Each structure stands twice: as structure tokens, then as C-alpha cells.
Amino acid sequence: MSKKLNCETQMLNCTKEDLQLKRKISDGMDKSDAELSETMNKVHKTMESIGDSIKQGFTLMADILKQTQAPVTDSFPSLYANYHFPASQATQNLPNNYFGQPRQ
């Protein structure tokens, strides 16, 4: 009988030790999971902030380009005219010839 008790006591002690180890592992995993969740929340907030900054930058750049952009027809009248009108009509409307002198 004492052998049986001794054996059961050993099994009980092993089971308790096993349970304690499993609790430590479980607690460690819970702590690690909480830290990972916090880190992922920080990464998410950072990504949102970066996305907002990029959006603001592109909006600002678009506004600047809209203000400084001249229509193509104002910048290149002869190219526009030659492309859209026959050559005779395009040259009639130009004020100066190639060398900057008035047309005759």
C-alpha cells in the first residue's frame, strides 16, 4: 500500500509541476500576445499617419501644379495651331515670322 501511495504522490507532484509549467507558458503567451497587440496598434496608427501625410503632400502638390500650369495652347501656339489647323490657316494668325519681324 505504501508503494502505491508513494507512486500516486509522485504522479500527483508531477501533475502539479506540469500544471505549473503550463500556467507559466500560458501566462507568457498571454503577455506576449498583449505586447504584440499593442505593437500592432502602434504600427496601424503610424501607417494611418503616414497615409494622411502622403495624401496631404499630394493634395498640396496638385494645388501648386494647378496654380502654375499654363494651358498648352498658351505655351505653344504654333505647335497647337499646326496640329489642329491646316498650315495656311496656322501661319496667318501668327504676328511675327520666324526671325521676329512682322509678317507682310
C-alpha atoms as a PDB file:
ATOM      1  CA  MET A   1       0.000   0.000   0.000  1.00  0.00           C
ATOM      2  CA  SER A   2       2.810   2.442   0.805  1.00  0.00           C
ATOM      3  CA  LYS A   3       4.317   1.801  -2.626  1.00  0.00           C
ATOM      4  CA  LYS A   4       1.003   2.615  -4.237  1.00  0.00           C
ATOM      5  CA  LEU A   5       0.711   5.832  -2.184  1.00  0.00           C
ATOM      6  CA  ASN A   6       4.287   6.749  -2.928  1.00  0.00           C
ATOM      7  CA  CYS A   7       3.672   6.208  -6.641  1.00  0.00           C
ATOM      8  CA  GLU A   8       0.450   8.218  -6.559  1.00  0.00           C
ATOM      9  CA  THR A   9       2.175  11.009  -4.638  1.00  0.00           C
ATOM     10  CA  GLN A  10       4.895  11.145  -7.261  1.00  0.00           C
ATOM     11  CA  MET A  11       2.292  11.240 -10.024  1.00  0.00           C
ATOM     12  CA  LEU A  12       0.428  13.993  -8.186  1.00  0.00           C
ATOM     13  CA  ASN A  13       3.634  16.008  -7.793  1.00  0.00           C
ATOM     14  CA  CYS A  14       4.489  15.515 -11.473  1.00  0.00           C
ATOM     15  CA  THR A  15       0.993  16.568 -12.475  1.00  0.00           C
ATOM     16  CA  LYS A  16       1.192  19.682 -10.258  1.00  0.00           C
ATOM     17  CA  GLU A  17       4.585  20.576 -11.709  1.00  0.00           C
ATOM     18  CA  ASP A  18       3.260  20.010 -15.232  1.00  0.00           C
ATOM     19  CA  LEU A  19       0.256  22.221 -14.474  1.00  0.00           C
ATOM     20  CA  GLN A  20       2.509  24.983 -13.083  1.00  0.00           C
ATOM     21  CA  LEU A  21       4.691  24.877 -16.196  1.00  0.00           C
ATOM     22  CA  LYS A  22       1.633  25.048 -18.436  1.00  0.00           C
ATOM     23  CA  ARG A  23       0.341  28.046 -16.456  1.00  0.00           C
ATOM     24  CA  LYS A  24       3.696  29.817 -16.840  1.00  0.00           C
ATOM     25  CA  ILE A  25       3.685  29.123 -20.566  1.00  0.00           C
ATOM     26  CA  SER A  26       0.083  30.284 -20.861  1.00  0.00           C
ATOM     27  CA  ASP A  27       0.812  33.472 -18.885  1.00  0.00           C
ATOM     28  CA  GLY A  28       3.882  34.138 -21.038  1.00  0.00           C
ATOM     29  CA  MET A  29       1.845  33.646 -24.194  1.00  0.00           C
ATOM     30  CA  ASP A  30      -0.879  35.984 -22.903  1.00  0.00           C
ATOM     31  CA  LYS A  31       1.720  38.641 -22.071  1.00  0.00           C
ATOM     32  CA  SER A  32       3.383  38.216 -25.453  1.00  0.00           C
ATOM     33  CA  ASP A  33       0.000  38.417 -27.189  1.00  0.00           C
ATOM     34  CA  ALA A  34      -0.841  41.645 -25.345  1.00  0.00           C
ATOM     35  CA  GLU A  35       2.523  43.171 -26.310  1.00  0.00           C
ATOM     36  CA  LEU A  36       2.051  42.117 -29.923  1.00  0.00           C
ATOM     37  CA  SER A  37      -1.441  43.605 -29.980  1.00  0.00           C
ATOM     38  CA  GLU A  38      -0.136  46.894 -28.578  1.00  0.00           C
ATOM     39  CA  THR A  39       2.690  46.953 -31.117  1.00  0.00           C
ATOM     40  CA  MET A  40       0.298  46.248 -33.981  1.00  0.00           C
ATOM     41  CA  ASN A  41      -1.971  49.091 -32.818  1.00  0.00           C
ATOM     42  CA  LYS A  42       1.028  51.438 -32.843  1.00  0.00           C
ATOM     43  CA  VAL A  43       2.004  50.263 -36.334  1.00  0.00           C
ATOM     44  CA  HIS A  44      -1.582  50.781 -37.518  1.00  0.00           C
ATOM     45  CA  LYS A  45      -1.675  54.335 -36.137  1.00  0.00           C
ATOM     46  CA  THR A  46       1.711  55.081 -37.700  1.00  0.00           C
ATOM     47  CA  MET A  47       0.579  53.779 -41.086  1.00  0.00           C
ATOM     48  CA  GLU A  48      -2.578  55.902 -40.905  1.00  0.00           C
ATOM     49  CA  SER A  49      -0.459  58.938 -40.063  1.00  0.00           C
ATOM     50  CA  ILE A  50       1.920  58.242 -42.944  1.00  0.00           C
ATOM     51  CA  GLY A  51      -1.011  57.754 -45.303  1.00  0.00           C
ATOM     52  CA  ASP A  52      -2.549  61.047 -44.216  1.00  0.00           C
ATOM     53  CA  SER A  53       0.797  62.832 -44.660  1.00  0.00           C
ATOM     54  CA  ILE A  54       1.215  61.408 -48.158  1.00  0.00           C
ATOM     55  CA  LYS A  55      -2.343  62.403 -49.046  1.00  0.00           C
ATOM     56  CA  GLN A  56      -1.755  65.955 -47.797  1.00  0.00           C
ATOM     57  CA  GLY A  57       1.507  66.137 -49.744  1.00  0.00           C
ATOM     58  CA  PHE A  58      -0.124  65.058 -52.982  1.00  0.00           C
ATOM     59  CA  THR A  59      -3.015  67.460 -52.415  1.00  0.00           C
ATOM     60  CA  LEU A  60      -0.575  70.316 -51.849  1.00  0.00           C
ATOM     61  CA  MET A  61       1.422  69.343 -54.926  1.00  0.00           C
ATOM     62  CA  ALA A  62      -1.770  69.201 -57.017  1.00  0.00           C
ATOM     63  CA  ASP A  63      -2.794  72.664 -55.792  1.00  0.00           C
ATOM     64  CA  ILE A  64       0.636  74.076 -56.660  1.00  0.00           C
ATOM     65  CA  LEU A  65       0.585  72.489 -60.099  1.00  0.00           C
ATOM     66  CA  LYS A  66      -2.922  73.806 -60.767  1.00  0.00           C
ATOM     67  CA  GLN A  67      -1.792  77.345 -59.899  1.00  0.00           C
ATOM     68  CA  THR A  68       1.373  77.311 -62.013  1.00  0.00           C
ATOM     69  CA  GLN A  69       0.182  75.287 -65.005  1.00  0.00           C
ATOM     70  CA  ALA A  70      -0.418  77.263 -68.183  1.00  0.00           C
ATOM     71  CA  PRO A  71      -2.679  75.832 -70.846  1.00  0.00           C
ATOM     72  CA  VAL A  72      -0.818  74.081 -73.651  1.00  0.00           C
ATOM     73  CA  THR A  73      -2.288  76.421 -76.257  1.00  0.00           C
ATOM     74  CA  ASP A  74      -0.786  79.481 -74.499  1.00  0.00           C
ATOM     75  CA  SER A  75       2.681  77.989 -74.197  1.00  0.00           C
ATOM     76  CA  PHE A  76       2.961  76.562 -77.705  1.00  0.00           C
ATOM     77  CA  PRO A  77       0.587  78.411 -80.052  1.00  0.00           C
ATOM     78  CA  SER A  78       2.350  77.486 -83.291  1.00  0.00           C
ATOM     79  CA  LEU A  79       2.552  73.791 -82.416  1.00  0.00           C
ATOM     80  CA  TYR A  80      -1.083  73.780 -81.367  1.00  0.00           C
ATOM     81  CA  ALA A  81      -2.141  75.643 -84.495  1.00  0.00           C
ATOM     82  CA  ASN A  82      -0.153  73.380 -86.817  1.00  0.00           C
ATOM     83  CA  TYR A  83      -1.620  70.336 -85.191  1.00  0.00           C
ATOM     84  CA  HIS A  84      -5.253  71.443 -85.276  1.00  0.00           C
ATOM     85  CA  PHE A  85      -5.414  73.620 -88.418  1.00  0.00           C
ATOM     86  CA  PRO A  86      -4.011  73.389 -91.948  1.00  0.00           C
ATOM     87  CA  ALA A  87      -0.642  75.085 -92.437  1.00  0.00           C
ATOM     88  CA  SER A  88      -2.072  78.054 -94.321  1.00  0.00           C
ATOM     89  CA  GLN A  89      -4.500  78.925 -91.513  1.00  0.00           C
ATOM     90  CA  ALA A  90      -1.896  78.436 -88.787  1.00  0.00           C
ATOM     91  CA  THR A  91       0.645  80.825 -90.273  1.00  0.00           C
ATOM     92  CA  GLN A  92      -1.954  83.533 -90.991  1.00  0.00           C
ATOM     93  CA  ASN A  93      -2.660  84.058 -87.299  1.00  0.00           C
ATOM     94  CA  LEU A  94       0.957  84.385 -86.138  1.00  0.00           C
ATOM     95  CA  PRO A  95       2.040  88.028 -85.593  1.00  0.00           C
ATOM     96  CA  ASN A  96       5.753  87.629 -86.473  1.00  0.00           C
ATOM     97  CA  ASN A  97       7.746  85.467 -88.817  1.00  0.00           C
ATOM     98  CA  TYR A  98      10.471  83.068 -87.700  1.00  0.00           C
ATOM     99  CA  PHE A  99      13.033  85.867 -87.199  1.00  0.00           C
ATOM    100  CA  GLY A 100      10.718  88.040 -85.112  1.00  0.00           C
ATOM    101  CA  GLN A 101       9.888  90.530 -87.855  1.00  0.00           C
ATOM    102  CA  PRO A 102       6.298  91.454 -88.752  1.00  0.00           C
ATOM    103  CA  ARG A 103       4.623  89.447 -91.487  1.00  0.00           C
ATOM    104  CA  GLN A 104       3.977  91.086 -94.833  1.00  0.00           C
END
